[in-house]
Protein backbone atom coordinates (compact mmCIF):
# COMPACT_ATOMS: atom_id res chain seq x y z
CA UNK A 1 6.44 2.43 45.38
CA UNK A 2 4.93 5.11 47.54
CA UNK A 3 6.40 8.72 47.48
CA UNK A 4 7.56 8.26 51.04
CA UNK A 5 9.41 4.97 50.22
CA UNK A 6 10.91 6.54 47.12
CA UNK A 7 12.19 9.49 49.15
CA UNK A 8 13.72 7.09 51.68
CA UNK A 9 15.56 5.25 48.93
CA UNK A 10 16.77 8.48 47.44
CA UNK A 11 18.08 9.78 50.78
CA UNK A 12 19.96 6.49 51.30
CA UNK A 13 21.42 6.71 47.77
CA UNK A 14 22.59 10.25 48.21
CA UNK A 15 24.16 9.35 51.64
CA UNK A 16 26.01 6.43 50.12
CA UNK A 17 27.31 8.50 47.14
CA UNK A 18 27.92 11.61 49.28
CA UNK A 19 26.33 13.85 46.61
CA UNK A 20 23.06 15.64 46.08
CA UNK A 21 21.22 14.07 43.20
CA UNK A 22 17.91 16.05 43.43
CA UNK A 23 17.09 19.66 44.31
CA UNK A 24 14.08 19.74 46.64
CA UNK A 25 11.65 22.60 47.14
CA UNK A 26 8.19 22.72 48.63
CA UNK A 27 6.75 22.76 45.10
CA UNK A 28 8.88 20.49 43.02
CA UNK A 29 11.97 18.21 42.61
CA UNK A 30 14.56 18.66 39.94
CA UNK A 31 17.78 16.81 39.10
CA UNK A 32 21.15 18.32 39.92
CA UNK A 33 23.88 18.10 37.27
CA UNK A 34 25.34 15.07 39.13
CA UNK A 35 21.91 13.52 39.37
CA UNK A 36 21.29 13.82 35.59
CA UNK A 37 24.64 12.18 34.82
CA UNK A 38 23.96 9.35 37.38
CA UNK A 39 20.43 8.92 35.76
CA UNK A 40 21.80 8.78 32.22
CA UNK A 41 24.55 6.30 33.11
CA UNK A 42 22.21 4.09 35.20
CA UNK A 43 19.61 4.02 32.45
CA UNK A 44 22.17 2.92 29.89
CA UNK A 45 23.47 0.16 32.25
CA UNK A 46 20.01 -1.09 32.99
CA UNK A 47 19.25 -1.30 29.24
CA UNK A 48 22.44 -3.22 28.67
CA UNK A 49 21.60 -5.63 31.52
CA UNK A 50 18.14 -6.13 30.00
CA UNK A 51 19.69 -6.86 26.64
CA UNK A 52 22.16 -9.29 28.18
CA UNK A 53 19.33 -11.15 29.99
CA UNK A 54 17.36 -11.39 26.76
CA UNK A 55 20.33 -12.82 24.87
CA UNK A 56 21.05 -15.32 27.63
CA UNK A 57 17.49 -16.51 27.80
CA UNK A 58 16.84 -16.46 24.01
CA UNK A 59 17.77 -20.12 23.60
CA UNK A 60 15.20 -21.25 26.23
CA UNK A 61 12.25 -19.14 25.05
CA UNK A 62 9.83 -20.91 22.80
CA UNK A 63 9.14 -18.86 19.59
CA UNK A 64 5.43 -19.39 19.05
CA UNK A 65 2.19 -17.62 18.34
CA UNK A 66 1.20 -15.45 15.35
CA UNK A 67 3.77 -13.03 13.81
CA UNK A 68 2.19 -10.29 11.63
CA UNK A 69 4.68 -8.73 9.16
CA UNK A 70 3.89 -5.80 6.87
CA UNK A 71 5.78 -5.70 3.57
CA UNK A 72 5.91 -3.81 0.27
CA UNK A 73 4.45 -5.97 -2.50
CA UNK A 74 7.50 -6.46 -4.74
CA UNK A 75 10.05 -6.74 -1.89
CA UNK A 76 7.76 -9.25 -0.12
CA UNK A 77 7.11 -11.31 -3.25
CA UNK A 78 10.69 -11.34 -4.60
CA UNK A 79 12.89 -11.32 -1.50
CA UNK A 80 10.93 -12.23 1.60
CA UNK A 81 8.50 -14.93 0.48
CA UNK A 82 11.37 -17.21 -0.86
CA UNK A 83 13.17 -17.24 2.51
CA UNK A 84 10.05 -17.96 4.56
CA UNK A 85 10.11 -21.78 4.24
CA UNK A 86 13.43 -22.04 5.99
CA UNK A 87 12.30 -19.65 8.75
CA UNK A 88 9.08 -21.72 9.33
CA UNK A 89 11.18 -24.88 9.42
CA UNK A 90 13.35 -23.31 12.12
CA UNK A 91 10.39 -22.23 14.18
CA UNK A 92 7.58 -24.75 13.56
CA UNK A 93 5.41 -23.47 16.42
CA UNK A 94 5.18 -19.98 14.88
CA UNK A 95 2.53 -18.92 12.41
CA UNK A 96 3.36 -15.97 10.11
CA UNK A 97 0.98 -13.63 8.36
CA UNK A 98 2.44 -11.53 5.55
CA UNK A 99 0.64 -8.32 4.72
CA UNK A 100 1.69 -7.12 1.31
CA UNK A 101 0.87 -3.52 0.53
CA UNK A 102 2.68 -0.61 -0.96
CA UNK A 103 0.96 2.03 1.11
CA UNK A 104 2.39 3.24 4.41
CA UNK A 105 1.21 0.91 7.19
CA UNK A 106 0.79 2.13 10.85
CA UNK A 107 2.15 -0.80 12.92
CA UNK A 108 0.42 0.18 16.21
CA UNK A 109 -2.97 1.22 14.70
CA UNK A 110 -3.23 -1.82 12.42
CA UNK A 111 -1.86 -4.40 14.87
CA UNK A 112 1.38 -5.47 12.97
CA UNK A 113 4.26 -6.81 14.95
CA UNK A 114 6.84 -5.33 12.65
CA UNK A 115 7.45 -4.19 9.08
CA UNK A 116 10.13 -4.50 6.43
CA UNK A 117 10.34 -1.25 4.55
CA UNK A 118 12.37 0.00 1.65
CA UNK A 119 13.48 3.62 0.94
CA UNK A 120 14.03 6.60 3.27
CA UNK A 121 12.19 6.46 6.53
CA UNK A 122 10.33 9.32 8.11
CA UNK A 123 11.12 10.27 11.67
CA UNK A 124 9.19 8.26 14.22
CA UNK A 125 9.69 6.59 17.64
CA UNK A 126 9.87 3.15 16.02
CA UNK A 127 12.94 1.03 16.41
CA UNK A 128 14.76 0.67 13.09
CA UNK A 129 17.43 -1.83 11.96
CA UNK A 130 19.12 -1.32 8.55
CA UNK A 131 19.44 -4.56 6.67
CA UNK A 132 20.85 -3.63 3.29
CA UNK A 133 21.25 -0.78 0.84
CA UNK A 134 18.85 -0.36 -2.17
CA UNK A 135 20.26 0.95 -5.45
CA UNK A 136 18.33 2.35 -8.42
CA UNK A 137 18.48 1.08 -11.99
CA UNK A 138 17.15 2.16 -15.40
CA UNK A 139 16.45 -0.66 -17.80
CA UNK A 140 14.52 -1.79 -20.85
CA UNK A 141 14.02 -4.97 -22.91
CA UNK A 142 16.53 -5.68 -25.67
CA UNK A 143 13.69 -5.56 -28.23
CA UNK A 144 12.78 -2.08 -27.07
CA UNK A 145 16.36 -0.83 -27.24
CA UNK A 146 16.92 -2.38 -30.63
CA UNK A 147 13.79 -0.67 -32.07
CA UNK A 148 14.05 2.72 -30.36
CA UNK A 149 17.76 3.03 -29.74
CA UNK A 150 19.71 3.30 -26.38
CA UNK A 151 19.48 6.66 -24.60
CA UNK A 152 22.91 7.99 -23.71
CA UNK A 153 21.97 10.96 -21.50
CA UNK A 154 19.02 12.30 -19.60
CA UNK A 155 18.24 14.68 -22.50
CA UNK A 156 17.47 11.63 -24.67
CA UNK A 157 14.64 10.50 -22.46
CA UNK A 158 12.25 12.92 -24.14
CA UNK A 159 12.39 10.58 -27.18
CA UNK A 160 11.50 7.50 -25.20
CA UNK A 161 8.51 5.88 -23.45
CA UNK A 162 9.14 6.11 -19.67
CA UNK A 163 7.03 3.92 -17.39
CA UNK A 164 5.98 5.85 -14.30
CA UNK A 165 5.72 4.64 -10.70
CA UNK A 166 2.96 6.78 -9.19
CA UNK A 167 4.05 6.22 -5.53
CA UNK A 168 7.53 7.61 -6.15
CA UNK A 169 8.62 11.18 -6.35
CA UNK A 170 11.72 10.10 -8.28
CA UNK A 171 10.60 7.79 -11.05
CA UNK A 172 6.95 8.50 -11.35
CA UNK A 173 4.50 10.87 -13.03
CA UNK A 174 5.84 13.12 -15.77
CA UNK A 175 9.28 13.82 -14.15
CA UNK A 176 12.16 11.53 -13.39
CA UNK A 177 14.73 12.81 -10.86
CA UNK A 178 18.46 12.28 -10.98
CA UNK A 179 21.42 13.20 -8.77
CA UNK A 180 22.09 11.75 -5.31
CA UNK A 181 19.95 14.48 -3.82
CA UNK A 182 17.24 14.07 -6.43
CA UNK A 183 17.96 17.64 -7.56
CA UNK A 184 18.03 17.10 -11.35
CA UNK A 185 14.39 16.95 -12.59
CA UNK A 186 13.96 15.59 -16.18
CA UNK A 187 10.53 15.80 -17.93
CA UNK A 188 9.51 12.43 -19.43
CA UNK A 189 6.50 10.96 -21.21
CA UNK A 190 4.98 7.56 -21.35
CA UNK A 191 1.81 5.58 -21.92
CA UNK A 192 1.70 3.56 -18.70
CA UNK A 193 1.74 4.54 -14.98
CA UNK A 194 1.23 2.15 -12.04
CA UNK A 195 1.48 2.03 -8.31
CA UNK A 196 3.37 -1.23 -8.26
CA UNK A 197 7.02 -1.71 -9.45
CA UNK A 198 6.46 -5.36 -10.42
CA UNK A 199 3.73 -4.31 -12.93
CA UNK A 200 6.05 -1.72 -14.46
CA UNK A 201 8.93 -4.25 -14.79
CA UNK A 202 6.55 -6.69 -16.54
CA UNK A 203 5.54 -3.87 -18.95
CA UNK A 204 9.26 -3.15 -19.59
CA UNK A 205 9.93 -6.77 -20.29
CA UNK A 206 7.08 -6.68 -22.81
CA UNK A 207 8.75 -3.82 -24.59
CA UNK A 208 6.60 -0.84 -23.44
CA UNK A 209 9.47 1.37 -22.38
CA UNK A 210 12.09 2.28 -19.81
CA UNK A 211 11.55 1.56 -16.16
CA UNK A 212 13.38 3.43 -13.34
CA UNK A 213 13.32 2.02 -9.81
CA UNK A 214 14.87 -0.29 -7.23
CA UNK A 215 17.23 -2.90 -8.74
CA UNK A 216 15.76 -5.68 -6.55
CA UNK A 217 12.46 -5.51 -8.53
CA UNK A 218 14.19 -5.81 -11.87
CA UNK A 219 16.85 -8.30 -10.69
CA UNK A 220 15.23 -11.56 -11.94
CA UNK A 221 14.65 -10.07 -15.44
CA UNK A 222 18.15 -8.64 -15.49
CA UNK A 223 19.71 -12.00 -14.56
CA UNK A 224 17.73 -13.75 -17.24
CA UNK A 225 18.56 -11.23 -19.93
CA UNK A 226 14.91 -10.07 -20.40
CA UNK A 227 15.97 -6.54 -19.35
CA UNK A 228 19.24 -4.61 -19.98
CA UNK A 229 20.63 -1.85 -17.80
CA UNK A 230 20.67 1.64 -19.42
CA UNK A 231 23.40 3.93 -18.18
CA UNK A 232 22.89 7.66 -18.55
CA UNK A 233 25.07 10.74 -17.96
CA UNK A 234 23.69 11.65 -14.53
CA UNK A 235 23.77 9.75 -11.33
CA UNK A 236 20.62 7.93 -10.15
CA UNK A 237 18.86 8.88 -6.97
CA UNK A 238 19.75 7.46 -3.63
CA UNK A 239 16.88 5.02 -2.79
CA UNK A 240 17.92 4.44 0.83
CA UNK A 241 17.89 0.97 2.26
CA UNK A 242 15.86 -2.06 3.48
CA UNK A 243 14.87 -1.70 7.10
CA UNK A 244 13.28 -3.85 9.79
CA UNK A 245 10.97 -1.61 11.81
CA UNK A 246 9.45 -2.61 15.17
CA UNK A 247 7.53 -1.01 17.99
CA UNK A 248 9.38 1.39 20.39
CA UNK A 249 10.23 -1.31 22.90
CA UNK A 250 13.83 -2.25 23.72
CA UNK A 251 12.77 -5.82 24.39
CA UNK A 252 10.67 -7.14 21.49
CA UNK A 253 8.69 -10.39 21.76
CA UNK A 254 10.68 -13.54 21.12
CA UNK A 255 8.90 -14.11 17.79
CA UNK A 256 9.84 -10.60 16.51
CA UNK A 257 13.43 -10.93 17.73
CA UNK A 258 13.75 -14.29 15.98
CA UNK A 259 12.43 -12.84 12.70
CA UNK A 260 14.78 -9.78 12.83
CA UNK A 261 17.77 -12.02 13.60
CA UNK A 262 16.82 -14.21 10.61
CA UNK A 263 16.57 -11.15 8.31
CA UNK A 264 20.00 -10.00 9.45
CA UNK A 265 21.33 -13.36 8.46
CA UNK A 266 19.54 -13.82 5.17
CA UNK A 267 19.01 -10.38 3.57
CA UNK A 268 22.76 -9.69 2.98
CA UNK A 269 22.97 -12.90 0.95
CA UNK A 270 20.71 -11.22 -1.58
CA UNK A 271 23.30 -8.50 -2.37
CA UNK A 272 22.88 -8.59 -6.11
CA UNK A 273 19.14 -8.25 -6.04
CA UNK A 274 19.28 -5.36 -3.55
CA UNK A 275 22.34 -3.33 -4.43
CA UNK A 276 23.77 -4.62 -7.62
């Protein structure tokens, strides 16, 4: 729309509303207080109309093409891959690529349609949908606990082998952190460190020590009795949640919308594996 046509529409709108929406000078335009309120309310209404139109047309849109999803390795392997067959059966014209990587993935720069992330998210313009909470757990194999004893408090950890997750500031390196705000540092020692939680769980099952991390990674071994939960005298850290993360667009592509709706439907069913 040309500036002249925009000015004509603005004049007509102000005449109909009998209010000044824009201050005009020879150098610039600026919104009046009434104009700002009208803009905010109109923007919200237009977004709601767009969402309503998307919902109404969702059943007629064919979900097809290639959907590229970035995932953490353990979450993708244990919780997402098992629910993929039913999703593919529901949308047979859609091809899915799962990118499993524990490093931070830039959706825009690397061409991913969306990501499923676990933990606390950094501030960004991305659209975020919380799917489920994630709780922490400390566990070890029955054989390890029978041989080395069961620690009762964080002070006892100095006498145990503690497996370190190098990508975490809470359960990695030479310090484990406790307290909901991660404000209780406890020095630990161990003979194995890794940048993947699944590898550490496997080591714990084999009797190499205690592992501290998200419950969903240890859930299969806990259910089968290959690991046992160890409860100490300090609260475990808050590990955040599972999130669906998409590009900053209020109207995602049909394929992305279908996947997020499916996650909202399926992830809460995995309550034990995610939050205990």
